[in-house]
Amino acid sequence: MNAVVSGDIQHPREWLRLERLAGHAETVAEAAAAKGIVDPTERLMGGLGVYFSARADYRRAERLSRARLASAERGRGKDHPNVAIHSSNLAELLRIINRLAEAEPLMRRALSIDEAFLGARHPSVARDLNNLAQLLQVTDRLTEAELLMRRAVHIDEAGYGPDHPGLAMYRANLAVLLRVPHRPTEAETLLRRAVVIYFRSDAANRHAHPHRDAALRHYTRLLTEMGDAPDTIQAKIAAARAEAGLT
């Protein structure tokens, strides 16, 4: 069943097939969890959770996400990295449905587990910091959010170098945060760098990076807010493309 609940689960073309299987898969997953079978039960629950979230069936997605977390705690221990992953995933689901007060302690738990188990400079810690910072931004705690985002940037910069696409995403997120307290010059520097990195990824892989267009939208919006005319904005984007080696 785990093998069947796979593929591009979030794409509507898979939904008709999965709709016929989802109820059976839930039964299998719950029975396996009751028997204490950790693997591949966690993966099956995760796949079903992604499917139900994509269909906006958040009640079933939350139930499976909580069951997955409980199964990992029983089978692997409360401080295992898988517990951190499942805590983070449940928190992200709760964030989507605007239950932010419930999501925050789960995000902080994931961060605490990963820092203790993997070390303060691990990429998973950077991911946790970014997720928590996004939530803090939404709840208007901008000072703490900025500190966490800068930590995420520093971790990935040290681990992957200054031109990694994952680092570009964190830079773009930090730039969007800096727009709120009106620090456009810093935000522009960060966003331009992110855009150049995504263009370089395009050149290397011969297809658009999935986060490129979002970064371009934020960059264009910021330049517009700063008073640049459309022709000036297009010229700056063209310059970023040229710097990345794209014609």
Protein backbone atom coordinates (compact mmCIF):
# COMPACT_ATOMS: atom_id res chain seq x y z
CA MET A 1 0.00 0.00 0.00
CA ASN A 2 2.89 2.33 0.73
CA ALA A 3 4.22 1.68 -2.78
CA VAL A 4 0.84 2.47 -4.32
CA VAL A 5 0.34 5.74 -2.41
CA SER A 6 3.26 7.38 -4.16
CA GLY A 7 4.14 9.52 -7.14
CA ASP A 8 3.07 13.12 -7.65
CA ILE A 9 0.40 12.91 -4.95
CA GLN A 10 -0.36 16.63 -4.97
CA HIS A 11 -1.20 16.68 -8.68
CA PRO A 12 -4.91 16.42 -9.56
CA ARG A 13 -4.19 13.79 -12.22
CA GLU A 14 -3.40 11.34 -9.38
CA TRP A 15 -6.50 12.13 -7.32
CA LEU A 16 -8.97 9.81 -9.04
CA ARG A 17 -6.66 6.84 -8.54
CA LEU A 18 -5.89 7.74 -4.94
CA GLU A 19 -9.52 8.52 -4.11
CA ARG A 20 -10.37 4.84 -4.59
CA LEU A 21 -7.44 3.73 -2.42
CA ALA A 22 -7.33 6.32 0.36
CA GLY A 23 -9.82 4.64 2.69
CA HIS A 24 -8.09 1.27 2.37
CA ALA A 25 -4.69 2.89 2.89
CA GLU A 26 -5.88 4.65 6.05
CA THR A 27 -7.12 1.34 7.47
CA VAL A 28 -3.81 -0.36 6.69
CA ALA A 29 -1.79 2.50 8.19
CA GLU A 30 -3.80 2.63 11.40
CA ALA A 31 -3.67 -1.15 11.84
CA ALA A 32 0.09 -1.20 11.24
CA ALA A 33 0.62 1.64 13.70
CA ALA A 34 -1.43 -0.23 16.33
CA LYS A 35 0.88 -3.24 15.81
CA GLY A 36 3.92 -1.06 16.39
CA ILE A 37 5.18 -1.28 12.79
CA VAL A 38 7.09 1.97 12.41
CA ASP A 39 8.44 1.52 8.88
CA PRO A 40 6.91 1.87 6.28
CA THR A 41 3.86 3.02 8.24
CA GLU A 42 5.28 6.51 8.72
CA ARG A 43 5.87 6.89 5.00
CA LEU A 44 2.35 5.69 4.18
CA MET A 45 0.81 8.12 6.68
CA GLY A 46 2.96 10.89 5.26
CA GLY A 47 1.85 10.20 1.70
CA LEU A 48 -1.80 10.13 2.72
CA GLY A 49 -1.37 13.35 4.69
CA VAL A 50 0.06 15.09 1.63
CA TYR A 51 -2.85 13.80 -0.48
CA PHE A 52 -5.53 14.93 1.99
CA SER A 53 -3.86 18.34 2.40
CA ALA A 54 -3.80 18.78 -1.37
CA ARG A 55 -7.53 18.01 -1.41
CA ALA A 56 -8.06 20.49 1.47
CA ASP A 57 -9.33 17.64 3.67
CA TYR A 58 -7.44 19.06 6.62
CA ARG A 59 -9.31 17.09 9.27
CA ARG A 60 -8.08 13.75 7.90
CA ALA A 61 -4.64 15.19 7.16
CA GLU A 62 -4.28 16.39 10.75
CA ARG A 63 -5.45 13.07 12.20
CA LEU A 64 -2.88 11.16 10.15
CA SER A 65 -0.14 13.68 10.91
CA ARG A 66 -0.76 13.34 14.65
CA ALA A 67 -0.86 9.54 14.37
CA ARG A 68 2.42 9.61 12.45
CA LEU A 69 4.06 11.73 15.12
CA ALA A 70 2.78 9.44 17.90
CA SER A 71 4.02 6.35 16.05
CA ALA A 72 7.49 7.83 15.65
CA GLU A 73 7.60 8.78 19.35
CA ARG A 74 6.69 5.24 20.38
CA GLY A 75 8.94 3.48 17.93
CA ARG A 76 11.98 5.78 17.79
CA GLY A 77 11.93 7.82 21.00
CA LYS A 78 10.80 11.38 21.67
CA ASP A 79 14.13 12.96 20.66
CA HIS A 80 14.68 11.21 17.31
CA PRO A 81 15.18 13.36 14.16
CA ASN A 82 12.11 11.70 12.57
CA VAL A 83 10.06 13.08 15.46
CA ALA A 84 11.41 16.53 14.59
CA ILE A 85 10.39 16.07 10.94
CA HIS A 86 6.87 14.94 11.85
CA SER A 87 6.51 17.76 14.41
CA SER A 88 7.53 20.24 11.74
CA ASN A 89 5.12 18.77 9.17
CA LEU A 90 2.21 18.87 11.62
CA ALA A 91 3.11 22.45 12.50
CA GLU A 92 3.11 23.41 8.83
CA LEU A 93 -0.35 21.90 8.39
CA LEU A 94 -1.65 23.83 11.41
CA ARG A 95 -0.07 27.00 10.04
CA ILE A 96 -1.91 26.53 6.74
CA ILE A 97 -5.24 26.36 8.55
CA ASN A 98 -4.28 29.36 10.72
CA ARG A 99 -3.94 27.55 14.04
CA LEU A 100 -0.72 29.38 14.75
CA ALA A 101 -0.73 29.06 18.55
CA GLU A 102 -0.75 25.25 18.18
CA ALA A 103 1.86 25.28 15.41
CA GLU A 104 4.50 27.32 17.25
CA PRO A 105 5.40 24.85 20.05
CA LEU A 106 5.68 22.06 17.49
CA MET A 107 8.08 24.15 15.40
CA ARG A 108 10.14 24.99 18.47
CA ARG A 109 10.22 21.32 19.44
CA ALA A 110 11.50 20.34 15.98
CA LEU A 111 14.21 22.99 16.22
CA SER A 112 15.26 21.84 19.71
CA ILE A 113 15.48 18.16 18.69
CA ASP A 114 17.49 18.89 15.54
CA GLU A 115 19.90 21.24 17.32
CA ALA A 116 20.56 18.61 20.01
CA PHE A 117 20.82 15.60 17.66
CA LEU A 118 22.37 17.11 14.52
CA GLY A 119 24.23 20.16 15.80
CA ALA A 120 23.53 23.87 15.56
CA ARG A 121 24.99 24.20 12.03
CA HIS A 122 23.09 21.40 10.29
CA PRO A 123 20.93 22.26 7.23
CA SER A 124 17.88 20.75 8.95
CA VAL A 125 18.34 23.32 11.72
CA ALA A 126 18.37 26.06 9.07
CA ARG A 127 15.07 24.70 7.71
CA ASP A 128 13.55 24.70 11.21
CA LEU A 129 14.75 28.25 11.84
CA ASN A 130 13.24 29.44 8.57
CA ASN A 131 9.88 27.77 9.28
CA LEU A 132 9.67 29.25 12.77
CA ALA A 133 10.72 32.67 11.49
CA GLN A 134 7.92 32.59 8.90
CA LEU A 135 5.39 31.97 11.66
CA LEU A 136 6.86 34.71 13.86
CA GLN A 137 6.65 37.12 10.93
CA VAL A 138 2.94 36.39 10.48
CA THR A 139 2.37 37.03 14.19
CA ASP A 140 4.30 40.34 13.99
CA ARG A 141 7.33 39.32 16.06
CA LEU A 142 9.72 40.75 13.50
CA THR A 143 12.84 41.16 15.63
CA GLU A 144 13.01 37.51 16.64
CA ALA A 145 12.00 36.43 13.13
CA GLU A 146 14.88 38.40 11.61
CA LEU A 147 17.41 36.87 14.01
CA LEU A 148 16.24 33.36 13.15
CA MET A 149 16.26 34.03 9.39
CA ARG A 150 19.78 35.42 9.55
CA ARG A 151 20.90 32.29 11.42
CA ALA A 152 19.36 30.14 8.67
CA VAL A 153 21.24 32.14 6.01
CA HIS A 154 24.55 31.82 7.86
CA ILE A 155 24.16 28.06 8.35
CA ASP A 156 23.49 27.33 4.69
CA GLU A 157 26.10 29.83 3.49
CA ALA A 158 28.74 28.06 5.60
CA GLY A 159 27.57 24.60 4.53
CA TYR A 160 26.81 25.07 0.84
CA GLY A 161 28.56 28.25 -0.24
CA PRO A 162 27.08 31.63 -1.22
CA ASP A 163 25.39 30.53 -4.47
CA HIS A 164 23.25 27.56 -3.41
CA PRO A 165 19.55 27.75 -4.44
CA GLY A 166 18.42 26.77 -0.92
CA LEU A 167 20.30 29.77 0.43
CA ALA A 168 18.59 31.96 -2.16
CA MET A 169 15.21 31.00 -0.71
CA TYR A 170 16.27 32.02 2.80
CA ARG A 171 17.68 35.30 1.48
CA ALA A 172 14.43 36.01 -0.34
CA ASN A 173 12.42 35.26 2.81
CA LEU A 174 14.64 37.60 4.82
CA ALA A 175 14.22 40.30 2.18
CA VAL A 176 10.42 40.01 2.33
CA LEU A 177 10.63 40.39 6.11
CA LEU A 178 12.81 43.49 5.82
CA ARG A 179 10.24 45.13 3.54
CA VAL A 180 7.78 45.25 6.44
CA PRO A 181 9.80 47.63 8.67
CA HIS A 182 10.76 49.58 5.51
CA ARG A 183 14.39 48.60 5.03
CA PRO A 184 14.27 48.47 1.23
CA THR A 185 17.98 48.85 0.49
CA GLU A 186 18.90 45.72 2.47
CA ALA A 187 15.90 43.90 1.00
CA GLU A 188 16.89 44.81 -2.57
CA THR A 189 20.44 43.51 -2.08
CA LEU A 190 19.16 40.19 -0.74
CA LEU A 191 16.46 39.76 -3.37
CA ARG A 192 18.74 40.63 -6.26
CA ARG A 193 21.25 38.06 -5.04
CA ALA A 194 18.50 35.44 -4.78
CA VAL A 195 17.31 36.21 -8.31
CA VAL A 196 20.85 35.88 -9.71
CA ILE A 197 21.27 32.51 -7.98
CA TYR A 198 17.99 31.23 -9.42
CA PHE A 199 19.00 32.42 -12.90
CA ARG A 200 22.30 30.56 -12.52
CA SER A 201 20.36 27.45 -11.57
CA ASP A 202 18.28 27.90 -14.72
CA ALA A 203 21.43 28.14 -16.83
CA ALA A 204 22.98 25.05 -15.24
CA ASN A 205 19.88 22.84 -15.33
CA ARG A 206 18.20 24.17 -18.48
CA HIS A 207 14.85 24.67 -16.75
CA ALA A 208 13.34 27.20 -14.38
CA HIS A 209 13.97 26.77 -10.66
CA PRO A 210 10.59 26.32 -8.88
CA HIS A 211 11.20 29.32 -6.61
CA ARG A 212 12.53 31.67 -9.29
CA ASP A 213 9.23 33.24 -10.32
CA ALA A 214 8.21 33.95 -6.71
CA ALA A 215 11.56 35.69 -6.11
CA LEU A 216 11.10 37.71 -9.30
CA ARG A 217 7.61 38.79 -8.19
CA HIS A 218 8.96 39.95 -4.82
CA TYR A 219 11.87 41.74 -6.52
CA THR A 220 9.59 43.51 -8.98
CA ARG A 221 7.18 44.54 -6.24
CA LEU A 222 10.01 45.88 -4.07
CA LEU A 223 11.52 47.90 -6.94
CA THR A 224 8.07 49.30 -7.73
CA GLU A 225 7.60 50.33 -4.09
CA MET A 226 11.02 51.99 -4.23
CA GLY A 227 9.82 54.14 -7.15
CA ASP A 228 11.50 52.45 -10.13
CA ALA A 229 9.75 52.77 -13.49
CA PRO A 230 8.82 49.58 -15.39
CA ASP A 231 11.67 50.08 -17.89
CA THR A 232 14.16 50.45 -15.05
CA ILE A 233 12.85 47.31 -13.38
CA GLN A 234 13.18 45.32 -16.62
CA ALA A 235 16.72 46.64 -17.07
CA LYS A 236 17.68 45.50 -13.55
CA ILE A 237 16.21 42.04 -14.18
CA ALA A 238 18.09 41.85 -17.47
CA ALA A 239 21.29 42.79 -15.66
CA ALA A 240 20.70 40.01 -13.14
CA ARG A 241 20.19 37.54 -15.99
CA ALA A 242 23.40 38.71 -17.65
CA GLU A 243 25.34 38.35 -14.38
CA ALA A 244 24.04 34.77 -14.16
CA GLY A 245 25.24 34.03 -17.68
CA LEU A 246 21.84 34.04 -19.40
CA THR A 247 21.24 36.05 -22.54
